[in-house]
C-alpha atoms as a PDB file:
ATOM      1  CA  MET A   1      50.776 183.336-119.450  1.00  0.00           C
ATOM      2  CA  LYS A   2      46.966 183.380-119.630  1.00  0.00           C
ATOM      3  CA  LYS A   3      46.692 181.880-116.131  1.00  0.00           C
ATOM      4  CA  GLN A   4      49.037 184.510-114.729  1.00  0.00           C
ATOM      5  CA  LYS A   5      46.991 187.317-116.292  1.00  0.00           C
ATOM      6  CA  ILE A   6      43.800 185.881-114.828  1.00  0.00           C
ATOM      7  CA  LEU A   7      45.460 185.669-111.411  1.00  0.00           C
ATOM      8  CA  VAL A   8      46.493 189.329-111.624  1.00  0.00           C
ATOM      9  CA  TYR A   9      42.886 190.303-112.373  1.00  0.00           C
ATOM     10  CA  LEU A  10      41.532 188.149-109.535  1.00  0.00           C
ATOM     11  CA  LEU A  11      43.969 189.587-106.983  1.00  0.00           C
ATOM     12  CA  THR A  12      43.404 193.225-107.980  1.00  0.00           C
ATOM     13  CA  PRO A  13      41.227 194.019-104.894  1.00  0.00           C
ATOM     14  CA  PHE A  14      44.011 192.845-102.570  1.00  0.00           C
ATOM     15  CA  LEU A  15      46.519 195.013-104.435  1.00  0.00           C
ATOM     16  CA  LEU A  16      44.491 198.193-104.058  1.00  0.00           C
ATOM     17  CA  PRO A  17      46.614 199.608-101.175  1.00  0.00           C
ATOM     18  CA  ALA A  18      49.777 199.019-103.216  1.00  0.00           C
ATOM     19  CA  ASP A  19      48.148 200.538-106.319  1.00  0.00           C
ATOM     20  CA  ILE A  20      47.232 203.712-104.424  1.00  0.00           C
ATOM     21  CA  LEU A  21      50.712 203.879-102.937  1.00  0.00           C
ATOM     22  CA  PHE A  22      52.270 203.509-106.390  1.00  0.00           C
ATOM     23  CA  LEU A  23      50.043 206.116-108.025  1.00  0.00           C
ATOM     24  CA  ARG A  24      50.484 208.675-105.233  1.00  0.00           C
ATOM     25  CA  SER A  25      54.142 208.086-104.373  1.00  0.00           C
ATOM     26  CA  GLU A  26      56.569 210.995-104.588  1.00  0.00           C
ATOM     27  CA  ASN A  27      59.003 208.414-106.009  1.00  0.00           C
ATOM     28  CA  ARG A  28      56.631 207.220-108.728  1.00  0.00           C
ATOM     29  CA  ASP A  29      59.045 208.067-111.547  1.00  0.00           C
ATOM     30  CA  LYS A  30      61.797 206.054-109.851  1.00  0.00           C
ATOM     31  CA  ILE A  31      59.433 203.127-109.308  1.00  0.00           C
ATOM     32  CA  LYS A  32      58.423 203.206-112.986  1.00  0.00           C
ATOM     33  CA  GLN A  33      62.085 202.997-114.000  1.00  0.00           C
ATOM     34  CA  ASP A  34      62.555 200.113-111.546  1.00  0.00           C
ATOM     35  CA  LEU A  35      59.633 198.438-113.356  1.00  0.00           C
ATOM     36  CA  GLU A  36      61.332 198.992-116.712  1.00  0.00           C
ATOM     37  CA  LYS A  37      64.320 197.005-115.443  1.00  0.00           C
ATOM     38  CA  VAL A  38      62.153 193.932-114.854  1.00  0.00           C
ATOM     39  CA  GLY A  39      60.106 194.534-118.004  1.00  0.00           C
ATOM     40  CA  GLU A  40      61.240 191.399-119.829  1.00  0.00           C
ATOM     41  CA  GLU A  41      59.832 189.301-116.972  1.00  0.00           C
ATOM     42  CA  ASN A  42      56.246 190.442-117.495  1.00  0.00           C
ATOM     43  CA  PHE A  43      54.122 190.218-120.622  1.00  0.00           C
ATOM     44  CA  PHE A  44      52.093 193.413-120.385  1.00  0.00           C
ATOM     45  CA  GLU A  45      52.617 195.824-123.253  1.00  0.00           C
ATOM     46  CA  ASN A  46      52.942 198.850-120.965  1.00  0.00           C
ATOM     47  CA  LYS A  47      55.944 197.845-118.859  1.00  0.00           C
ATOM     48  CA  THR A  48      55.428 200.692-116.382  1.00  0.00           C
ATOM     49  CA  GLY A  49      51.630 200.627-116.195  1.00  0.00           C
ATOM     50  CA  ILE A  50      49.416 199.525-113.342  1.00  0.00           C
ATOM     51  CA  MET A  51      49.000 195.950-114.640  1.00  0.00           C
ATOM     52  CA  ALA A  52      52.753 195.482-114.987  1.00  0.00           C
ATOM     53  CA  PHE A  53      53.118 196.882-111.473  1.00  0.00           C
ATOM     54  CA  GLN A  54      50.544 194.428-110.106  1.00  0.00           C
ATOM     55  CA  TYR A  55      52.204 191.516-111.905  1.00  0.00           C
ATOM     56  CA  SER A  56      55.578 192.492-110.451  1.00  0.00           C
ATOM     57  CA  MET A  57      54.162 192.733-106.933  1.00  0.00           C
ATOM     58  CA  ILE A  58      52.639 189.258-107.217  1.00  0.00           C
ATOM     59  CA  PHE A  59      55.316 187.299-109.045  1.00  0.00           C
ATOM     60  CA  LEU A  60      58.620 189.207-108.643  1.00  0.00           C
ATOM     61  CA  LYS A  61      59.213 189.137-104.908  1.00  0.00           C
ATOM     62  CA  PRO A  62      62.472 191.149-104.804  1.00  0.00           C
ATOM     63  CA  PHE A  63      60.583 193.961-106.549  1.00  0.00           C
ATOM     64  CA  ARG A  64      58.308 194.157-103.506  1.00  0.00           C
ATOM     65  CA  ASN A  65      61.293 195.041-101.332  1.00  0.00           C
ATOM     66  CA  ILE A  66      62.392 197.724-103.777  1.00  0.00           C
ATOM     67  CA  PHE A  67      58.860 199.141-103.884  1.00  0.00           C
ATOM     68  CA  TYR A  68      58.600 199.298-100.095  1.00  0.00           C
ATOM     69  CA  PHE A  69      62.062 200.868 -99.956  1.00  0.00           C
ATOM     70  CA  ARG A  70      60.845 203.602-102.325  1.00  0.00           C
ATOM     71  CA  THR A  71      57.664 204.207-100.309  1.00  0.00           C
ATOM     72  CA  LYS A  72      58.986 204.002 -96.748  1.00  0.00           C
ATOM     73  CA  SER A  73      57.636 207.475 -95.905  1.00  0.00           C
ATOM     74  CA  SER A  74      54.019 206.314 -96.454  1.00  0.00           C
ATOM     75  CA  LEU A  75      53.645 204.147 -93.378  1.00  0.00           C
ATOM     76  CA  PHE A  76      49.889 203.532 -93.330  1.00  0.00           C
ATOM     77  CA  LEU A  77      49.306 202.278 -96.890  1.00  0.00           C
ATOM     78  CA  ARG A  78      52.696 200.610 -96.937  1.00  0.00           C
ATOM     79  CA  ASN A  79      51.904 198.555 -93.841  1.00  0.00           C
ATOM     80  CA  ILE A  80      48.505 197.542 -95.213  1.00  0.00           C
ATOM     81  CA  SER A  81      50.070 196.513 -98.517  1.00  0.00           C
ATOM     82  CA  ARG A  82      52.668 194.420 -96.690  1.00  0.00           C
ATOM     83  CA  ILE A  83      49.860 192.282 -95.236  1.00  0.00           C
ATOM     84  CA  PHE A  84      48.859 191.063 -98.708  1.00  0.00           C
ATOM     85  CA  CYS A  85      52.249 191.300-100.473  1.00  0.00           C
ATOM     86  CA  LYS A  86      54.895 190.476 -97.903  1.00  0.00           C
ATOM     87  CA  PRO A  87      58.454 191.604 -98.599  1.00  0.00           C
ATOM     88  CA  LEU A  88      61.250 189.071 -98.523  1.00  0.00           C
ATOM     89  CA  ALA A  89      62.926 188.795 -95.123  1.00  0.00           C
ATOM     90  CA  THR A  90      66.097 187.729 -96.969  1.00  0.00           C
ATOM     91  CA  VAL A  91      66.486 191.043 -98.816  1.00  0.00           C
ATOM     92  CA  GLU A  92      67.662 194.194 -97.016  1.00  0.00           C
ATOM     93  CA  ILE A  93      67.897 197.606 -98.675  1.00  0.00           C
ATOM     94  CA  ASN A  94      69.156 200.887 -97.258  1.00  0.00           C
ATOM     95  CA  GLY A  95      70.931 203.991 -98.537  1.00  0.00           C
ATOM     96  CA  ASP A  96      70.403 206.431-101.398  1.00  0.00           C
ATOM     97  CA  ILE A  97      69.750 204.383-104.559  1.00  0.00           C
ATOM     98  CA  GLY A  98      68.870 205.811-107.964  1.00  0.00           C
ATOM     99  CA  GLU A  99      66.163 204.766-110.394  1.00  0.00           C
ATOM    100  CA  GLY A 100      66.326 201.543-112.380  1.00  0.00           C
ATOM    101  CA  PHE A 101      67.281 199.447-109.349  1.00  0.00           C
ATOM    102  CA  ARG A 102      66.950 195.692-109.762  1.00  0.00           C
ATOM    103  CA  ILE A 103      67.559 192.715-107.484  1.00  0.00           C
ATOM    104  CA  SER A 104      67.630 189.526-109.543  1.00  0.00           C
ATOM    105  CA  HIS A 105      67.141 186.935-106.803  1.00  0.00           C
ATOM    106  CA  ASN A 106      65.762 186.472-103.318  1.00  0.00           C
ATOM    107  CA  TYR A 107      68.840 186.893-101.100  1.00  0.00           C
ATOM    108  CA  SER A 108      70.820 190.145-100.847  1.00  0.00           C
ATOM    109  CA  VAL A 109      71.938 192.784 -98.355  1.00  0.00           C
ATOM    110  CA  ILE A 110      72.274 196.131-100.135  1.00  0.00           C
ATOM    111  CA  HIS A 111      73.434 199.015 -97.919  1.00  0.00           C
ATOM    112  CA  PRO A 112      75.476 201.445-100.031  1.00  0.00           C
ATOM    113  CA  GLN A 113      76.081 205.010 -98.961  1.00  0.00           C
ATOM    114  CA  LYS A 114      74.841 205.913-102.412  1.00  0.00           C
ATOM    115  CA  ALA A 115      74.223 204.119-105.707  1.00  0.00           C
ATOM    116  CA  GLY A 116      73.396 205.642-109.080  1.00  0.00           C
ATOM    117  CA  ARG A 117      71.002 204.771-111.889  1.00  0.00           C
ATOM    118  CA  ASN A 118      70.535 201.248-113.259  1.00  0.00           C
ATOM    119  CA  PHE A 119      72.058 199.407-110.322  1.00  0.00           C
ATOM    120  CA  THR A 120      71.614 195.626-110.622  1.00  0.00           C
ATOM    121  CA  VAL A 121      72.575 192.962-108.094  1.00  0.00           C
ATOM    122  CA  GLY A 122      72.439 189.186-108.277  1.00  0.00           C
ATOM    123  CA  HIS A 123      71.857 186.377-105.806  1.00  0.00           C
ATOM    124  CA  GLY A 124      73.609 186.602-102.447  1.00  0.00           C
ATOM    125  CA  VAL A 125      75.259 189.990-103.013  1.00  0.00           C
ATOM    126  CA  THR A 126      76.384 191.989 -99.990  1.00  0.00           C
ATOM    127  CA  VAL A 127      77.063 195.730-100.149  1.00  0.00           C
ATOM    128  CA  GLY A 128      77.771 197.441 -96.864  1.00  0.00           C
ATOM    129  CA  LYS A 129      79.869 198.731 -94.033  1.00  0.00           C
ATOM    130  CA  GLY A 130      83.621 198.294 -93.740  1.00  0.00           C
ATOM    131  CA  LYS A 131      86.732 200.342 -93.082  1.00  0.00           C
ATOM    132  CA  GLU A 132      86.252 204.113 -93.057  1.00  0.00           C
ATOM    133  CA  ARG A 133      87.824 206.089 -95.866  1.00  0.00           C
ATOM    134  CA  GLU A 134      90.993 207.779 -94.717  1.00  0.00           C
ATOM    135  CA  GLY A 135      90.341 211.404 -93.835  1.00  0.00           C
ATOM    136  CA  ASN A 136      86.547 210.957 -94.104  1.00  0.00           C
ATOM    137  CA  PRO A 137      85.114 209.891 -90.735  1.00  0.00           C
ATOM    138  CA  GLY A 138      81.748 208.191 -91.098  1.00  0.00           C
ATOM    139  CA  TRP A 139      82.238 207.241 -94.751  1.00  0.00           C
ATOM    140  CA  ASN A 140      82.334 203.485 -94.321  1.00  0.00           C
ATOM    141  CA  LYS A 141      79.999 202.270 -97.094  1.00  0.00           C
ATOM    142  CA  PRO A 142      80.502 202.220-100.885  1.00  0.00           C
ATOM    143  CA  ILE A 143      79.469 205.029-103.197  1.00  0.00           C
ATOM    144  CA  ILE A 144      78.493 203.388-106.490  1.00  0.00           C
ATOM    145  CA  GLY A 145      78.126 205.041-109.891  1.00  0.00           C
ATOM    146  CA  ASP A 146      75.626 204.560-112.720  1.00  0.00           C
ATOM    147  CA  ASP A 147      75.115 201.337-114.686  1.00  0.00           C
ATOM    148  CA  VAL A 148      76.802 199.004-112.228  1.00  0.00           C
ATOM    149  CA  HIS A 149      76.087 195.265-112.186  1.00  0.00           C
ATOM    150  CA  ILE A 150      77.202 193.136-109.247  1.00  0.00           C
ATOM    151  CA  TYR A 151      76.937 189.413-109.924  1.00  0.00           C
ATOM    152  CA  SER A 152      76.039 186.540-107.591  1.00  0.00           C
ATOM    153  CA  GLY A 153      77.865 186.127-104.306  1.00  0.00           C
ATOM    154  CA  ALA A 154      80.015 189.253-104.606  1.00  0.00           C
ATOM    155  CA  THR A 155      80.845 191.410-101.585  1.00  0.00           C
ATOM    156  CA  VAL A 156      81.535 195.155-101.804  1.00  0.00           C
ATOM    157  CA  PHE A 157      82.294 197.018 -98.608  1.00  0.00           C
ATOM    158  CA  GLY A 158      83.959 199.986 -96.960  1.00  0.00           C
ATOM    159  CA  GLY A 159      84.367 203.660 -97.783  1.00  0.00           C
ATOM    160  CA  ILE A 160      85.197 203.124-101.452  1.00  0.00           C
ATOM    161  CA  LEU A 161      84.209 204.554-104.829  1.00  0.00           C
ATOM    162  CA  ILE A 162      82.862 202.305-107.594  1.00  0.00           C
ATOM    163  CA  GLY A 163      82.775 204.109-110.936  1.00  0.00           C
ATOM    164  CA  ASN A 164      80.211 204.153-113.743  1.00  0.00           C
ATOM    165  CA  HIS A 165      79.692 201.179-116.100  1.00  0.00           C
ATOM    166  CA  VAL A 166      81.358 198.655-113.807  1.00  0.00           C
ATOM    167  CA  GLU A 167      80.772 194.904-113.670  1.00  0.00           C
ATOM    168  CA  ILE A 168      81.770 193.037-110.521  1.00  0.00           C
ATOM    169  CA  GLY A 169      82.008 189.309-111.160  1.00  0.00           C
ATOM    170  CA  ALA A 170      80.450 186.478-109.207  1.00  0.00           C
ATOM    171  CA  GLY A 171      82.136 185.862-105.864  1.00  0.00           C
ATOM    172  CA  ALA A 172      84.405 188.911-106.098  1.00  0.00           C
ATOM    173  CA  VAL A 173      85.435 190.728-102.913  1.00  0.00           C
ATOM    174  CA  VAL A 174      85.920 194.454-103.460  1.00  0.00           C
ATOM    175  CA  PHE A 175      87.215 196.850-100.813  1.00  0.00           C
ATOM    176  CA  GLN A 176      89.225 199.310-102.938  1.00  0.00           C
ATOM    177  CA  ASP A 177      88.210 202.012-105.438  1.00  0.00           C
ATOM    178  CA  ILE A 178      87.265 200.873-108.950  1.00  0.00           C
ATOM    179  CA  PRO A 179      87.387 203.391-111.832  1.00  0.00           C
ATOM    180  CA  ASP A 180      84.825 203.747-114.624  1.00  0.00           C
ATOM    181  CA  ASN A 181      84.300 201.128-117.349  1.00  0.00           C
ATOM    182  CA  CYS A 182      85.905 198.177-115.595  1.00  0.00           C
ATOM    183  CA  THR A 183      85.247 194.497-115.022  1.00  0.00           C
ATOM    184  CA  VAL A 184      86.414 193.188-111.642  1.00  0.00           C
ATOM    185  CA  VAL A 185      86.836 189.573-110.511  1.00  0.00           C
ATOM    186  CA  GLY A 186      88.459 187.597-107.709  1.00  0.00           C
ATOM    187  CA  ASN A 187      89.273 187.839-104.019  1.00  0.00           C
ATOM    188  CA  PRO A 188      90.641 190.390-103.527  1.00  0.00           C
ATOM    189  CA  GLY A 189      88.976 192.068-106.495  1.00  0.00           C
ATOM    190  CA  ARG A 190      91.233 192.860-109.445  1.00  0.00           C
ATOM    191  CA  ILE A 191      90.503 194.634-112.701  1.00  0.00           C
ATOM    192  CA  VAL A 192      90.608 192.246-115.659  1.00  0.00           C
ATOM    193  CA  LYS A 193      89.096 194.507-118.298  1.00  0.00           C
ATOM    194  CA  LYS A 194      88.899 198.241-118.828  1.00  0.00           C
ATOM    195  CA  ALA A 195      86.502 199.176-121.608  1.00  0.00           C
ATOM    196  CA  GLU A 196      86.597 202.308-123.724  1.00  0.00           C
ATOM    197  CA  ASN A 197      84.718 205.246-122.260  1.00  0.00           C
ATOM    198  CA  ARG A 198      80.998 205.022-122.957  1.00  0.00           C
ATOM    199  CA  THR A 199      79.031 207.907-124.331  1.00  0.00           C
ATOM    200  CA  LYS A 200      77.178 210.019-121.805  1.00  0.00           C
ATOM    201  CA  GLY A 201      73.802 208.565-120.870  1.00  0.00           C
ATOM    202  CA  GLU A 202      74.487 205.145-122.422  1.00  0.00           C
ATOM    203  CA  GLY A 203      73.274 202.305-120.204  1.00  0.00           C
ATOM    204  CA  ARG A 204      73.500 198.542-120.276  1.00  0.00           C
END
């Protein structure tokens, strides 16, 4: 822990472009909530402060991809930052994704049409294009609600709706709508548990 803190301090000059980008970003509030999601992985008291941000950029490589996804409109500083903190080539992110986004491992392709708050994906997850929704030309990617966790190796695709408070189990293949408060497993995905409705605003 002490060695990691020292390393953060030593690398601060190289993180300056990223620091400026973080502090000036129009998506700063979203980035801070993304930081909160990885808070247990760093040991700084302020989980959304500049030191926690620097730690996450150095040691939590999937966070780099999320950060660059949030700051894609700031090309100059973003490109400079990418020289010192390279994003993972094995993680792809696209779409409209809410705050509190977390990628747990180093391999994922995440291309929803839209995803809500507190969206978490595990190792090797694929979210993306598939069959268009009937009567909705162009809607061929999932729309995902709030507080959704997709576990390792799962695939979610097509013009489908995934509700709020949904867990999609490891290796599941989902290409049909899933209502709120469900746990889904298998190939093809099937609902194995439907929880009671959660109170508004309650997360995982």
